[in-house]
Amino acid sequence: MDCLEHLINEIYSNEQRLYFMSTVLSNLCSLALNVDLICSR
């Protein structure tokens, strides 16, 4: 988790951080919540 925190806080620009937090993280959470539906097909 420290690596992710370092990436977000130290390496990403403000624009990249905003995109990650609003889009990528949201999509990852949706995928995690629906993995049983996706894998059961």
C-alpha atoms as a PDB file:
ATOM      1  CA  MET A   1       0.000   0.000   0.000  1.00  0.00           C
ATOM      2  CA  ASP A   2       2.934   2.319   0.612  1.00  0.00           C
ATOM      3  CA  CYS A   3       3.882   2.022  -3.065  1.00  0.00           C
ATOM      4  CA  LEU A   4       0.424   3.133  -4.175  1.00  0.00           C
ATOM      5  CA  GLU A   5       0.467   6.046  -1.738  1.00  0.00           C
ATOM      6  CA  HIS A   6       3.920   7.084  -3.001  1.00  0.00           C
ATOM      7  CA  LEU A   7       2.760   6.844  -6.616  1.00  0.00           C
ATOM      8  CA  ILE A   8      -0.341   8.944  -5.979  1.00  0.00           C
ATOM      9  CA  ASN A   9       1.310  11.572  -3.783  1.00  0.00           C
ATOM     10  CA  GLU A  10       4.799  11.885  -5.211  1.00  0.00           C
ATOM     11  CA  ILE A  11       4.786  10.794  -8.844  1.00  0.00           C
ATOM     12  CA  TYR A  12       1.379  11.614 -10.296  1.00  0.00           C
ATOM     13  CA  SER A  13       0.608  15.181 -11.274  1.00  0.00           C
ATOM     14  CA  ASN A  14      -2.525  16.786  -9.814  1.00  0.00           C
ATOM     15  CA  GLU A  15      -4.403  16.015 -13.039  1.00  0.00           C
ATOM     16  CA  GLN A  16      -3.271  12.387 -13.048  1.00  0.00           C
ATOM     17  CA  ARG A  17      -4.171  12.037  -9.368  1.00  0.00           C
ATOM     18  CA  LEU A  18      -7.666  13.416  -9.991  1.00  0.00           C
ATOM     19  CA  TYR A  19      -8.186  11.017 -12.918  1.00  0.00           C
ATOM     20  CA  PHE A  20      -6.941   8.062 -10.874  1.00  0.00           C
ATOM     21  CA  MET A  21      -9.107   8.850  -7.859  1.00  0.00           C
ATOM     22  CA  SER A  22     -12.277   9.633  -9.813  1.00  0.00           C
ATOM     23  CA  THR A  23     -12.108   7.176 -12.712  1.00  0.00           C
ATOM     24  CA  VAL A  24      -9.587   4.383 -12.236  1.00  0.00           C
ATOM     25  CA  LEU A  25     -10.274   3.752  -8.558  1.00  0.00           C
ATOM     26  CA  SER A  26     -14.022   3.896  -9.145  1.00  0.00           C
ATOM     27  CA  ASN A  27     -13.761   1.348 -11.960  1.00  0.00           C
ATOM     28  CA  LEU A  28     -11.548  -0.941  -9.863  1.00  0.00           C
ATOM     29  CA  CYS A  29     -14.087  -0.866  -7.032  1.00  0.00           C
ATOM     30  CA  SER A  30     -16.933  -1.650  -9.433  1.00  0.00           C
ATOM     31  CA  LEU A  31     -14.960  -4.535 -10.891  1.00  0.00           C
ATOM     32  CA  ALA A  32     -14.181  -5.921  -7.434  1.00  0.00           C
ATOM     33  CA  LEU A  33     -17.834  -5.714  -6.423  1.00  0.00           C
ATOM     34  CA  ASN A  34     -18.990  -7.468  -9.607  1.00  0.00           C
ATOM     35  CA  VAL A  35     -16.233 -10.045 -10.065  1.00  0.00           C
ATOM     36  CA  ASP A  36     -18.610 -12.885  -9.157  1.00  0.00           C
ATOM     37  CA  LEU A  37     -20.958 -11.856 -11.982  1.00  0.00           C
ATOM     38  CA  ILE A  38     -18.112 -11.548 -14.475  1.00  0.00           C
ATOM     39  CA  CYS A  39     -16.436 -14.859 -13.573  1.00  0.00           C
ATOM     40  CA  SER A  40     -19.636 -16.903 -13.455  1.00  0.00           C
ATOM     41  CA  ARG A  41     -20.256 -16.497 -17.188  1.00  0.00           C
END
